[in-house]
Amino acid sequence: MELTEFRSRHEAAAADGIGIYGISVDSVFSHQAFAKELGGLPFDLVGDFERKMVADYGVRRDDVEGYSGLARRTVFVIDGNGTITYTWVTSPEQRQPDYDLVIEEARKAATAPRSES
């Protein structure tokens, strides 16, 4: 499961300046219960109950009858300029991301120079 793997890597990631956030279309209350069930998470779970973020990031699923607006399991690495520098989307061939690659890409993004506005 992605969240528990990212939980186990959180301390090292945070030391490298990497922020980890989980986002889903579930409610904040659902997130709280889920985090408790997992024994706690050292990062925030963000609720996209209105499904705006999943639409804006192009990962909204409308192909599951009765569950319109679910998100595809996706990992985005976003640098300090707000630019997406890496994306992984679940597929039948790869149900889980390559965590080492995600962290490597996040380290690159965390150390990339920021643009001046």
PDB file of N, CA and C in Angstrom:
ATOM      1  N   MET A   1       0.844  -1.179   0.000  1.00  0.00           N
ATOM      2  CA  MET A   1       0.000   0.000   0.000  1.00  0.00           C
ATOM      3  C   MET A   1       0.883   1.234   0.000  1.00  0.00           C
ATOM      4  N   GLU A   2       0.537   2.199  -0.859  1.00  0.00           N
ATOM      5  CA  GLU A   2       1.369   3.387  -1.005  1.00  0.00           C
ATOM      6  C   GLU A   2       1.570   4.148   0.298  1.00  0.00           C
ATOM      7  N   LEU A   3       0.504   4.379   1.025  1.00  0.00           N
ATOM      8  CA  LEU A   3       0.626   5.237   2.204  1.00  0.00           C
ATOM      9  C   LEU A   3       1.554   4.657   3.257  1.00  0.00           C
ATOM     10  N   THR A   4       1.499   3.366   3.476  1.00  0.00           N
ATOM     11  CA  THR A   4       2.385   2.789   4.489  1.00  0.00           C
ATOM     12  C   THR A   4       3.833   2.798   4.007  1.00  0.00           C
ATOM     13  N   GLU A   5       4.050   2.626   2.727  1.00  0.00           N
ATOM     14  CA  GLU A   5       5.417   2.697   2.200  1.00  0.00           C
ATOM     15  C   GLU A   5       5.955   4.118   2.323  1.00  0.00           C
ATOM     16  N   PHE A   6       5.131   5.107   2.001  1.00  0.00           N
ATOM     17  CA  PHE A   6       5.575   6.486   2.153  1.00  0.00           C
ATOM     18  C   PHE A   6       5.717   6.854   3.623  1.00  0.00           C
ATOM     19  N   ARG A   7       4.915   6.258   4.490  1.00  0.00           N
ATOM     20  CA  ARG A   7       5.077   6.490   5.930  1.00  0.00           C
ATOM     21  C   ARG A   7       6.448   6.004   6.379  1.00  0.00           C
ATOM     22  N   SER A   8       6.856   4.826   5.917  1.00  0.00           N
ATOM     23  CA  SER A   8       8.142   4.271   6.342  1.00  0.00           C
ATOM     24  C   SER A   8       9.323   5.080   5.801  1.00  0.00           C
ATOM     25  N   ARG A   9       9.121   5.836   4.745  1.00  0.00           N
ATOM     26  CA  ARG A   9      10.188   6.638   4.150  1.00  0.00           C
ATOM     27  C   ARG A   9      10.101   8.122   4.532  1.00  0.00           C
ATOM     28  N   HIS A  10       9.097   8.474   5.314  1.00  0.00           N
ATOM     29  CA  HIS A  10       8.823   9.876   5.587  1.00  0.00           C
ATOM     30  C   HIS A  10       9.976  10.599   6.277  1.00  0.00           C
ATOM     31  N   GLU A  11      10.550  10.007   7.296  1.00  0.00           N
ATOM     32  CA  GLU A  11      11.600  10.688   8.061  1.00  0.00           C
ATOM     33  C   GLU A  11      12.787  11.049   7.169  1.00  0.00           C
ATOM     34  N   ALA A  12      13.249  10.102   6.377  1.00  0.00           N
ATOM     35  CA  ALA A  12      14.380  10.369   5.479  1.00  0.00           C
ATOM     36  C   ALA A  12      13.987  11.393   4.411  1.00  0.00           C
ATOM     37  N   ALA A  13      12.762  11.291   3.898  1.00  0.00           N
ATOM     38  CA  ALA A  13      12.306  12.236   2.887  1.00  0.00           C
ATOM     39  C   ALA A  13      12.246  13.647   3.464  1.00  0.00           C
ATOM     40  N   ALA A  14      11.693  13.783   4.654  1.00  0.00           N
ATOM     41  CA  ALA A  14      11.585  15.095   5.291  1.00  0.00           C
ATOM     42  C   ALA A  14      12.967  15.694   5.532  1.00  0.00           C
ATOM     43  N   ALA A  15      13.933  14.863   5.892  1.00  0.00           N
ATOM     44  CA  ALA A  15      15.302  15.338   6.107  1.00  0.00           C
ATOM     45  C   ALA A  15      15.908  15.881   4.812  1.00  0.00           C
ATOM     46  N   ASP A  16      15.413  15.377   3.680  1.00  0.00           N
ATOM     47  CA  ASP A  16      15.883  15.844   2.378  1.00  0.00           C
ATOM     48  C   ASP A  16      15.038  16.992   1.827  1.00  0.00           C
ATOM     49  N   GLY A  17      14.118  17.511   2.630  1.00  0.00           N
ATOM     50  CA  GLY A  17      13.283  18.629   2.193  1.00  0.00           C
ATOM     51  C   GLY A  17      12.100  18.225   1.338  1.00  0.00           C
ATOM     52  N   ILE A  18      11.710  16.958   1.427  1.00  0.00           N
ATOM     53  CA  ILE A  18      10.600  16.446   0.619  1.00  0.00           C
ATOM     54  C   ILE A  18       9.341  16.437   1.469  1.00  0.00           C
ATOM     55  N   GLY A  19       8.284  17.042   0.955  1.00  0.00           N
ATOM     56  CA  GLY A  19       6.985  17.000   1.618  1.00  0.00           C
ATOM     57  C   GLY A  19       6.136  15.917   0.983  1.00  0.00           C
ATOM     58  N   ILE A  20       5.455  15.153   1.804  1.00  0.00           N
ATOM     59  CA  ILE A  20       4.581  14.088   1.306  1.00  0.00           C
ATOM     60  C   ILE A  20       3.158  14.407   1.752  1.00  0.00           C
ATOM     61  N   TYR A  21       2.218  14.296   0.835  1.00  0.00           N
ATOM     62  CA  TYR A  21       0.810  14.516   1.131  1.00  0.00           C
ATOM     63  C   TYR A  21       0.001  13.443   0.417  1.00  0.00           C
ATOM     64  N   GLY A  22      -1.036  12.987   1.059  1.00  0.00           N
ATOM     65  CA  GLY A  22      -1.980  12.080   0.429  1.00  0.00           C
ATOM     66  C   GLY A  22      -3.243  12.847   0.112  1.00  0.00           C
ATOM     67  N   ILE A  23      -3.802  12.636  -1.053  1.00  0.00           N
ATOM     68  CA  ILE A  23      -5.023  13.337  -1.453  1.00  0.00           C
ATOM     69  C   ILE A  23      -6.011  12.307  -1.965  1.00  0.00           C
ATOM     70  N   SER A  24      -7.255  12.424  -1.512  1.00  0.00           N
ATOM     71  CA  SER A  24      -8.308  11.573  -2.059  1.00  0.00           C
ATOM     72  C   SER A  24      -9.619  12.329  -2.025  1.00  0.00           C
ATOM     73  N   VAL A  25     -10.621  11.763  -2.666  1.00  0.00           N
ATOM     74  CA  VAL A  25     -11.935  12.397  -2.728  1.00  0.00           C
ATOM     75  C   VAL A  25     -12.771  12.090  -1.484  1.00  0.00           C
ATOM     76  N   ASP A  26     -12.199  11.373  -0.544  1.00  0.00           N
ATOM     77  CA  ASP A  26     -12.912  11.052   0.689  1.00  0.00           C
ATOM     78  C   ASP A  26     -12.953  12.266   1.614  1.00  0.00           C
ATOM     79  N   SER A  27     -13.848  12.204   2.592  1.00  0.00           N
ATOM     80  CA  SER A  27     -13.999  13.303   3.545  1.00  0.00           C
ATOM     81  C   SER A  27     -12.846  13.319   4.540  1.00  0.00           C
ATOM     82  N   VAL A  28     -12.692  14.436   5.202  1.00  0.00           N
ATOM     83  CA  VAL A  28     -11.683  14.583   6.247  1.00  0.00           C
ATOM     84  C   VAL A  28     -11.921  13.553   7.347  1.00  0.00           C
ATOM     85  N   PHE A  29     -13.182  13.305   7.689  1.00  0.00           N
ATOM     86  CA  PHE A  29     -13.510  12.329   8.726  1.00  0.00           C
ATOM     87  C   PHE A  29     -13.088  10.925   8.306  1.00  0.00           C
ATOM     88  N   SER A  30     -13.291  10.605   7.051  1.00  0.00           N
ATOM     89  CA  SER A  30     -12.855   9.317   6.524  1.00  0.00           C
ATOM     90  C   SER A  30     -11.336   9.202   6.587  1.00  0.00           C
ATOM     91  N   HIS A  31     -10.632  10.292   6.263  1.00  0.00           N
ATOM     92  CA  HIS A  31      -9.170  10.303   6.338  1.00  0.00           C
ATOM     93  C   HIS A  31      -8.691  10.055   7.758  1.00  0.00           C
ATOM     94  N   GLN A  32      -9.337  10.700   8.720  1.00  0.00           N
ATOM     95  CA  GLN A  32      -8.947  10.521  10.113  1.00  0.00           C
ATOM     96  C   GLN A  32      -9.100   9.069  10.535  1.00  0.00           C
ATOM     97  N   ALA A  33     -10.217   8.456  10.177  1.00  0.00           N
ATOM     98  CA  ALA A  33     -10.456   7.056  10.530  1.00  0.00           C
ATOM     99  C   ALA A  33      -9.447   6.145   9.830  1.00  0.00           C
ATOM    100  N   PHE A  34      -9.156   6.430   8.577  1.00  0.00           N
ATOM    101  CA  PHE A  34      -8.223   5.620   7.802  1.00  0.00           C
ATOM    102  C   PHE A  34      -6.818   5.711   8.395  1.00  0.00           C
ATOM    103  N   ALA A  35      -6.380   6.928   8.713  1.00  0.00           N
ATOM    104  CA  ALA A  35      -5.049   7.103   9.304  1.00  0.00           C
ATOM    105  C   ALA A  35      -4.960   6.371  10.640  1.00  0.00           C
ATOM    106  N   LYS A  36      -6.003   6.441  11.420  1.00  0.00           N
ATOM    107  CA  LYS A  36      -6.023   5.743  12.709  1.00  0.00           C
ATOM    108  C   LYS A  36      -5.925   4.236  12.499  1.00  0.00           C
ATOM    109  N   GLU A  37      -6.651   3.732  11.505  1.00  0.00           N
ATOM    110  CA  GLU A  37      -6.622   2.293  11.186  1.00  0.00           C
ATOM    111  C   GLU A  37      -5.219   1.838  10.798  1.00  0.00           C
ATOM    112  N   LEU A  38      -4.462   2.736  10.158  1.00  0.00           N
ATOM    113  CA  LEU A  38      -3.088   2.415   9.741  1.00  0.00           C
ATOM    114  C   LEU A  38      -2.071   2.631  10.861  1.00  0.00           C
ATOM    115  N   GLY A  39      -2.530   3.068  12.016  1.00  0.00           N
ATOM    116  CA  GLY A  39      -1.618   3.330  13.121  1.00  0.00           C
ATOM    117  C   GLY A  39      -1.009   4.713  13.071  1.00  0.00           C
ATOM    118  N   GLY A  40      -1.625   5.604  12.315  1.00  0.00           N
ATOM    119  CA  GLY A  40      -1.164   6.981  12.195  1.00  0.00           C
ATOM    120  C   GLY A  40      -0.300   7.193  10.968  1.00  0.00           C
ATOM    121  N   LEU A  41      -0.300   8.421  10.495  1.00  0.00           N
ATOM    122  CA  LEU A  41       0.521   8.811   9.352  1.00  0.00           C
ATOM    123  C   LEU A  41       1.248  10.102   9.702  1.00  0.00           C
ATOM    124  N   PRO A  42       2.530  10.223   9.341  1.00  0.00           N
ATOM    125  CA  PRO A  42       3.295  11.420   9.684  1.00  0.00           C
ATOM    126  C   PRO A  42       3.115  12.553   8.674  1.00  0.00           C
ATOM    127  N   PHE A  43       2.175  12.409   7.764  1.00  0.00           N
ATOM    128  CA  PHE A  43       1.917  13.447   6.763  1.00  0.00           C
ATOM    129  C   PHE A  43       0.414  13.647   6.645  1.00  0.00           C
ATOM    130  N   ASP A  44       0.042  14.772   6.055  1.00  0.00           N
ATOM    131  CA  ASP A  44      -1.367  15.137   5.940  1.00  0.00           C
ATOM    132  C   ASP A  44      -2.070  14.390   4.812  1.00  0.00           C
ATOM    133  N   LEU A  45      -3.334  14.087   5.059  1.00  0.00           N
ATOM    134  CA  LEU A  45      -4.229  13.582   4.029  1.00  0.00           C
ATOM    135  C   LEU A  45      -5.172  14.729   3.680  1.00  0.00           C
ATOM    136  N   VAL A  46      -5.203  15.096   2.434  1.00  0.00           N
ATOM    137  CA  VAL A  46      -5.996  16.227   1.970  1.00  0.00           C
ATOM    138  C   VAL A  46      -7.279  15.701   1.337  1.00  0.00           C
ATOM    139  N   GLY A  47      -8.407  16.292   1.724  1.00  0.00           N
ATOM    140  CA  GLY A  47      -9.692  15.883   1.177  1.00  0.00           C
ATOM    141  C   GLY A  47     -10.063  16.704  -0.043  1.00  0.00           C
ATOM    142  N   ASP A  48     -10.347  16.029  -1.137  1.00  0.00           N
ATOM    143  CA  ASP A  48     -10.805  16.664  -2.372  1.00  0.00           C
ATOM    144  C   ASP A  48     -12.251  16.245  -2.605  1.00  0.00           C
ATOM    145  N   PHE A  49     -13.058  16.506  -1.590  1.00  0.00           N
ATOM    146  CA  PHE A  49     -14.445  16.034  -1.586  1.00  0.00           C
ATOM    147  C   PHE A  49     -15.230  16.564  -2.788  1.00  0.00           C
ATOM    148  N   GLU A  50     -14.896  17.754  -3.247  1.00  0.00           N
ATOM    149  CA  GLU A  50     -15.585  18.326  -4.413  1.00  0.00           C
ATOM    150  C   GLU A  50     -14.999  17.838  -5.735  1.00  0.00           C
ATOM    151  N   ARG A  51     -13.947  17.048  -5.655  1.00  0.00           N
ATOM    152  CA  ARG A  51     -13.302  16.435  -6.820  1.00  0.00           C
ATOM    153  C   ARG A  51     -12.704  17.457  -7.801  1.00  0.00           C
ATOM    154  N   LYS A  52     -12.341  18.602  -7.284  1.00  0.00           N
ATOM    155  CA  LYS A  52     -11.743  19.638  -8.116  1.00  0.00           C
ATOM    156  C   LYS A  52     -10.298  19.293  -8.476  1.00  0.00           C
ATOM    157  N   MET A  53      -9.518  18.856  -7.488  1.00  0.00           N
ATOM    158  CA  MET A  53      -8.109  18.553  -7.753  1.00  0.00           C
ATOM    159  C   MET A  53      -7.960  17.381  -8.717  1.00  0.00           C
ATOM    160  N   VAL A  54      -8.775  16.339  -8.539  1.00  0.00           N
ATOM    161  CA  VAL A  54      -8.645  15.186  -9.446  1.00  0.00           C
ATOM    162  C   VAL A  54      -8.975  15.588 -10.875  1.00  0.00           C
ATOM    163  N   ALA A  55      -9.904  16.528 -11.043  1.00  0.00           N
ATOM    164  CA  ALA A  55     -10.214  17.029 -12.386  1.00  0.00           C
ATOM    165  C   ALA A  55      -9.072  17.910 -12.898  1.00  0.00           C
ATOM    166  N   ASP A  56      -8.608  18.849 -12.053  1.00  0.00           N
ATOM    167  CA  ASP A  56      -7.543  19.766 -12.464  1.00  0.00           C
ATOM    168  C   ASP A  56      -6.248  19.040 -12.833  1.00  0.00           C
ATOM    169  N   TYR A  57      -5.946  17.947 -12.129  1.00  0.00           N
ATOM    170  CA  TYR A  57      -4.712  17.197 -12.400  1.00  0.00           C
ATOM    171  C   TYR A  57      -4.905  16.085 -13.427  1.00  0.00           C
ATOM    172  N   GLY A  58      -6.118  15.952 -13.963  1.00  0.00           N
ATOM    173  CA  GLY A  58      -6.364  14.996 -15.040  1.00  0.00           C
ATOM    174  C   GLY A  58      -6.358  13.542 -14.615  1.00  0.00           C
ATOM    175  N   VAL A  59      -6.701  13.261 -13.347  1.00  0.00           N
ATOM    176  CA  VAL A  59      -6.698  11.877 -12.877  1.00  0.00           C
ATOM    177  C   VAL A  59      -8.088  11.412 -12.431  1.00  0.00           C
ATOM    178  N   ARG A  60      -9.114  12.168 -12.800  1.00  0.00           N
ATOM    179  CA  ARG A  60     -10.486  11.811 -12.444  1.00  0.00           C
ATOM    180  C   ARG A  60     -10.944  10.617 -13.272  1.00  0.00           C
ATOM    181  N   ARG A  61     -11.547   9.658 -12.589  1.00  0.00           N
ATOM    182  CA  ARG A  61     -12.101   8.465 -13.254  1.00  0.00           C
ATOM    183  C   ARG A  61     -13.618   8.572 -13.265  1.00  0.00           C
ATOM    184  N   ASP A  62     -14.188   8.327 -14.410  1.00  0.00           N
ATOM    185  CA  ASP A  62     -15.637   8.272 -14.540  1.00  0.00           C
ATOM    186  C   ASP A  62     -16.053   6.970 -15.220  1.00  0.00           C
ATOM    187  N   ASP A  63     -15.168   5.972 -15.160  1.00  0.00           N
ATOM    188  CA  ASP A  63     -15.425   4.704 -15.832  1.00  0.00           C
ATOM    189  C   ASP A  63     -15.937   3.601 -14.909  1.00  0.00           C
ATOM    190  N   VAL A  64     -16.157   3.922 -13.638  1.00  0.00           N
ATOM    191  CA  VAL A  64     -16.654   2.933 -12.688  1.00  0.00           C
ATOM    192  C   VAL A  64     -18.082   3.325 -12.309  1.00  0.00           C
ATOM    193  N   GLU A  65     -19.033   2.538 -12.749  1.00  0.00           N
ATOM    194  CA  GLU A  65     -20.440   2.861 -12.517  1.00  0.00           C
ATOM    195  C   GLU A  65     -20.722   3.032 -11.019  1.00  0.00           C
ATOM    196  N   GLY A  66     -21.374   4.135 -10.695  1.00  0.00           N
ATOM    197  CA  GLY A  66     -21.718   4.411  -9.311  1.00  0.00           C
ATOM    198  C   GLY A  66     -20.627   5.097  -8.516  1.00  0.00           C
ATOM    199  N   TYR A  67     -19.447   5.272  -9.098  1.00  0.00           N
ATOM    200  CA  TYR A  67     -18.326   5.893  -8.389  1.00  0.00           C
ATOM    201  C   TYR A  67     -17.713   7.025  -9.207  1.00  0.00           C
ATOM    202  N   SER A  68     -18.532   7.815  -9.841  1.00  0.00           N
ATOM    203  CA  SER A  68     -18.060   8.903 -10.683  1.00  0.00           C
ATOM    204  C   SER A  68     -17.183   9.863  -9.886  1.00  0.00           C
ATOM    205  N   GLY A  69     -16.054  10.217 -10.452  1.00  0.00           N
ATOM    206  CA  GLY A  69     -15.173  11.200  -9.844  1.00  0.00           C
ATOM    207  C   GLY A  69     -14.081  10.633  -8.963  1.00  0.00           C
ATOM    208  N   LEU A  70     -13.946   9.324  -8.902  1.00  0.00           N
ATOM    209  CA  LEU A  70     -12.822   8.749  -8.169  1.00  0.00           C
ATOM    210  C   LEU A  70     -11.524   9.153  -8.846  1.00  0.00           C
ATOM    211  N   ALA A  71     -10.432   9.053  -8.122  1.00  0.00           N
ATOM    212  CA  ALA A  71      -9.131   9.385  -8.696  1.00  0.00           C
ATOM    213  C   ALA A  71      -8.377   8.120  -9.068  1.00  0.00           C
ATOM    214  N   ARG A  72      -7.617   8.199 -10.161  1.00  0.00           N
ATOM    215  CA  ARG A  72      -6.669   7.134 -10.462  1.00  0.00           C
ATOM    216  C   ARG A  72      -5.544   7.234  -9.434  1.00  0.00           C
ATOM    217  N   ARG A  73      -5.012   6.097  -9.006  1.00  0.00           N
ATOM    218  CA  ARG A  73      -3.856   6.147  -8.109  1.00  0.00           C
ATOM    219  C   ARG A  73      -2.699   6.778  -8.872  1.00  0.00           C
ATOM    220  N   THR A  74      -2.245   7.871  -8.329  1.00  0.00           N
ATOM    221  CA  THR A  74      -1.258   8.684  -9.029  1.00  0.00           C
ATOM    222  C   THR A  74      -0.267   9.259  -8.035  1.00  0.00           C
ATOM    223  N   VAL A  75       0.970   9.400  -8.469  1.00  0.00           N
ATOM    224  CA  VAL A  75       1.995  10.087  -7.686  1.00  0.00           C
ATOM    225  C   VAL A  75       2.484  11.244  -8.542  1.00  0.00           C
ATOM    226  N   PHE A  76       2.476  12.438  -7.956  1.00  0.00           N
ATOM    227  CA  PHE A  76       3.049  13.610  -8.598  1.00  0.00           C
ATOM    228  C   PHE A  76       4.218  14.089  -7.756  1.00  0.00           C
ATOM    229  N   VAL A  77       5.300  14.445  -8.416  1.00  0.00           N
ATOM    230  CA  VAL A  77       6.399  15.147  -7.759  1.00  0.00           C
ATOM    231  C   VAL A  77       6.328  16.568  -8.290  1.00  0.00           C
ATOM    232  N   ILE A  78       6.241  17.515  -7.361  1.00  0.00           N
ATOM    233  CA  ILE A  78       6.090  18.923  -7.721  1.00  0.00           C
ATOM    234  C   ILE A  78       7.250  19.695  -7.102  1.00  0.00           C
ATOM    235  N   ASP A  79       7.945  20.463  -7.913  1.00  0.00           N
ATOM    236  CA  ASP A  79       9.101  21.200  -7.400  1.00  0.00           C
ATOM    237  C   ASP A  79       8.679  22.492  -6.712  1.00  0.00           C
ATOM    238  N   GLY A  80       9.643  23.228  -6.218  1.00  0.00           N
ATOM    239  CA  GLY A  80       9.385  24.462  -5.492  1.00  0.00           C
ATOM    240  C   GLY A  80       8.781  25.564  -6.333  1.00  0.00           C
ATOM    241  N   ASN A  81       8.780  25.391  -7.652  1.00  0.00           N
ATOM    242  CA  ASN A  81       8.163  26.357  -8.549  1.00  0.00           C
ATOM    243  C   ASN A  81       6.724  25.987  -8.881  1.00  0.00           C
ATOM    244  N   GLY A  82       6.266  24.839  -8.336  1.00  0.00           N
ATOM    245  CA  GLY A  82       4.910  24.386  -8.623  1.00  0.00           C
ATOM    246  C   GLY A  82       4.794  23.604  -9.916  1.00  0.00           C
ATOM    247  N   THR A  83       5.933  23.199 -10.474  1.00  0.00           N
ATOM    248  CA  THR A  83       5.955  22.445 -11.726  1.00  0.00           C
ATOM    249  C   THR A  83       5.973  20.949 -11.429  1.00  0.00           C
ATOM    250  N   ILE A  84       5.117  20.213 -12.100  1.00  0.00           N
ATOM    251  CA  ILE A  84       5.129  18.754 -11.973  1.00  0.00           C
ATOM    252  C   ILE A  84       6.345  18.246 -12.733  1.00  0.00           C
ATOM    253  N   THR A  85       7.249  17.591 -12.017  1.00  0.00           N
ATOM    254  CA  THR A  85       8.483  17.108 -12.636  1.00  0.00           C
ATOM    255  C   THR A  85       8.481  15.598 -12.856  1.00  0.00           C
ATOM    256  N   TYR A  86       7.536  14.915 -12.243  1.00  0.00           N
ATOM    257  CA  TYR A  86       7.448  13.456 -12.385  1.00  0.00           C
ATOM    258  C   TYR A  86       6.011  13.038 -12.082  1.00  0.00           C
ATOM    259  N   THR A  87       5.521  12.086 -12.859  1.00  0.00           N
ATOM    260  CA  THR A  87       4.181  11.546 -12.651  1.00  0.00           C
ATOM    261  C   THR A  87       4.215  10.036 -12.821  1.00  0.00           C
ATOM    262  N   TRP A  88       3.539   9.348 -11.926  1.00  0.00           N
ATOM    263  CA  TRP A  88       3.295   7.918 -12.058  1.00  0.00           C
ATOM    264  C   TRP A  88       1.791   7.712 -11.920  1.00  0.00           C
ATOM    265  N   VAL A  89       1.210   6.913 -12.833  1.00  0.00           N
ATOM    266  CA  VAL A  89      -0.213   6.578 -12.779  1.00  0.00           C
ATOM    267  C   VAL A  89      -0.337   5.064 -12.809  1.00  0.00           C
ATOM    268  N   THR A  90      -1.177   4.533 -11.926  1.00  0.00           N
ATOM    269  CA  THR A  90      -1.363   3.090 -11.865  1.00  0.00           C
ATOM    270  C   THR A  90      -1.792   2.527 -13.219  1.00  0.00           C
ATOM    271  N   SER A  91      -1.418   1.300 -13.458  1.00  0.00           N
ATOM    272  CA  SER A  91      -1.808   0.594 -14.682  1.00  0.00           C
ATOM    273  C   SER A  91      -1.950  -0.881 -14.330  1.00  0.00           C
ATOM    274  N   PRO A  92      -2.586  -1.645 -15.201  1.00  0.00           N
ATOM    275  CA  PRO A  92      -2.683  -3.082 -14.924  1.00  0.00           C
ATOM    276  C   PRO A  92      -1.312  -3.742 -14.778  1.00  0.00           C
ATOM    277  N   GLU A  93      -0.301  -3.187 -15.458  1.00  0.00           N
ATOM    278  CA  GLU A  93       1.046  -3.742 -15.403  1.00  0.00           C
ATOM    279  C   GLU A  93       1.791  -3.323 -14.140  1.00  0.00           C
ATOM    280  N   GLN A  94       1.487  -2.146 -13.629  1.00  0.00           N
ATOM    281  CA  GLN A  94       2.203  -1.633 -12.462  1.00  0.00           C
ATOM    282  C   GLN A  94       1.191  -1.023 -11.491  1.00  0.00           C
ATOM    283  N   ARG A  95       0.805  -1.805 -10.500  1.00  0.00           N
ATOM    284  CA  ARG A  95      -0.213  -1.383  -9.538  1.00  0.00           C
ATOM    285  C   ARG A  95       0.358  -0.497  -8.430  1.00  0.00           C
ATOM    286  N   GLN A  96       1.662  -0.556  -8.208  1.00  0.00           N
ATOM    287  CA  GLN A  96       2.332   0.253  -7.190  1.00  0.00           C
ATOM    288  C   GLN A  96       3.497   0.996  -7.847  1.00  0.00           C
ATOM    289  N   PRO A  97       3.767   2.204  -7.378  1.00  0.00           N
ATOM    290  CA  PRO A  97       4.904   2.937  -7.952  1.00  0.00           C
ATOM    291  C   PRO A  97       6.232   2.332  -7.512  1.00  0.00           C
ATOM    292  N   ASP A  98       7.274   2.667  -8.230  1.00  0.00           N
ATOM    293  CA  ASP A  98       8.636   2.328  -7.828  1.00  0.00           C
ATOM    294  C   ASP A  98       9.042   3.378  -6.801  1.00  0.00           C
ATOM    295  N   TYR A  99       8.953   3.017  -5.521  1.00  0.00           N
ATOM    296  CA  TYR A  99       9.164   3.987  -4.444  1.00  0.00           C
ATOM    297  C   TYR A  99      10.545   4.603  -4.480  1.00  0.00           C
ATOM    298  N   ASP A 100      11.564   3.808  -4.797  1.00  0.00           N
ATOM    299  CA  ASP A 100      12.922   4.353  -4.876  1.00  0.00           C
ATOM    300  C   ASP A 100      13.001   5.434  -5.954  1.00  0.00           C
ATOM    301  N   LEU A 101      12.371   5.188  -7.097  1.00  0.00           N
ATOM    302  CA  LEU A 101      12.369   6.169  -8.179  1.00  0.00           C
ATOM    303  C   LEU A 101      11.605   7.429  -7.770  1.00  0.00           C
ATOM    304  N   VAL A 102      10.465   7.270  -7.110  1.00  0.00           N
ATOM    305  CA  VAL A 102       9.685   8.430  -6.664  1.00  0.00           C
ATOM    306  C   VAL A 102      10.518   9.296  -5.723  1.00  0.00           C
ATOM    307  N   ILE A 103      11.161   8.681  -4.748  1.00  0.00           N
ATOM    308  CA  ILE A 103      11.973   9.436  -3.797  1.00  0.00           C
ATOM    309  C   ILE A 103      13.168  10.088  -4.498  1.00  0.00           C
ATOM    310  N   GLU A 104      13.788   9.376  -5.426  1.00  0.00           N
ATOM    311  CA  GLU A 104      14.907   9.945  -6.196  1.00  0.00           C
ATOM    312  C   GLU A 104      14.446  11.187  -6.972  1.00  0.00           C
ATOM    313  N   GLU A 105      13.304  11.089  -7.637  1.00  0.00           N
ATOM    314  CA  GLU A 105      12.769  12.228  -8.387  1.00  0.00           C
ATOM    315  C   GLU A 105      12.376  13.373  -7.453  1.00  0.00           C
ATOM    316  N   ALA A 106      11.849  13.042  -6.283  1.00  0.00           N
ATOM    317  CA  ALA A 106      11.480  14.070  -5.312  1.00  0.00           C
ATOM    318  C   ALA A 106      12.724  14.779  -4.777  1.00  0.00           C
ATOM    319  N   ARG A 107      13.794  14.043  -4.565  1.00  0.00           N
ATOM    320  CA  ARG A 107      15.048  14.674  -4.115  1.00  0.00           C
ATOM    321  C   ARG A 107      15.554  15.666  -5.165  1.00  0.00           C
ATOM    322  N   LYS A 108      15.483  15.277  -6.435  1.00  0.00           N
ATOM    323  CA  LYS A 108      15.890  16.187  -7.513  1.00  0.00           C
ATOM    324  C   LYS A 108      15.041  17.453  -7.487  1.00  0.00           C
ATOM    325  N   ALA A 109      13.739  17.277  -7.333  1.00  0.00           N
ATOM    326  CA  ALA A 109      12.832  18.429  -7.320  1.00  0.00           C
ATOM    327  C   ALA A 109      13.077  19.318  -6.110  1.00  0.00           C
ATOM    328  N   ALA A 110      13.398  18.700  -4.972  1.00  0.00           N
ATOM    329  CA  ALA A 110      13.618  19.466  -3.737  1.00  0.00           C
ATOM    330  C   ALA A 110      14.888  20.306  -3.809  1.00  0.00           C
ATOM    331  N   THR A 111      15.853  19.862  -4.605  1.00  0.00           N
ATOM    332  CA  THR A 111      17.122  20.593  -4.694  1.00  0.00           C
ATOM    333  C   THR A 111      17.215  21.464  -5.937  1.00  0.00           C
ATOM    334  N   ALA A 112      16.195  21.442  -6.780  1.00  0.00           N
ATOM    335  CA  ALA A 112      16.211  22.257  -8.004  1.00  0.00           C
ATOM    336  C   ALA A 112      16.108  23.735  -7.642  1.00  0.00           C
ATOM    337  N   PRO A 113      16.810  24.579  -8.381  1.00  0.00           N
ATOM    338  CA  PRO A 113      16.716  26.016  -8.109  1.00  0.00           C
ATOM    339  C   PRO A 113      15.298  26.530  -8.334  1.00  0.00           C
ATOM    340  N   ARG A 114      14.903  27.454  -7.495  1.00  0.00           N
ATOM    341  CA  ARG A 114      13.569  28.066  -7.647  1.00  0.00           C
ATOM    342  C   ARG A 114      13.661  29.271  -8.569  1.00  0.00           C
ATOM    343  N   SER A 115      12.627  29.425  -9.362  1.00  0.00           N
ATOM    344  CA  SER A 115      12.555  30.602 -10.247  1.00  0.00           C
ATOM    345  C   SER A 115      12.176  31.819  -9.428  1.00  0.00           C
ATOM    346  N   GLU A 116      12.692  32.939  -9.838  1.00  0.00           N
ATOM    347  CA  GLU A 116      12.289  34.185  -9.181  1.00  0.00           C
ATOM    348  C   GLU A 116      11.090  34.724  -9.922  1.00  0.00           C
ATOM    349  N   SER A 117      10.079  35.109  -9.169  1.00  0.00           N
ATOM    350  CA  SER A 117       8.850  35.627  -9.782  1.00  0.00           C
ATOM    351  C   SER A 117       8.920  37.102 -10.034  1.00  0.00           C
TER     352      SER A 117
END
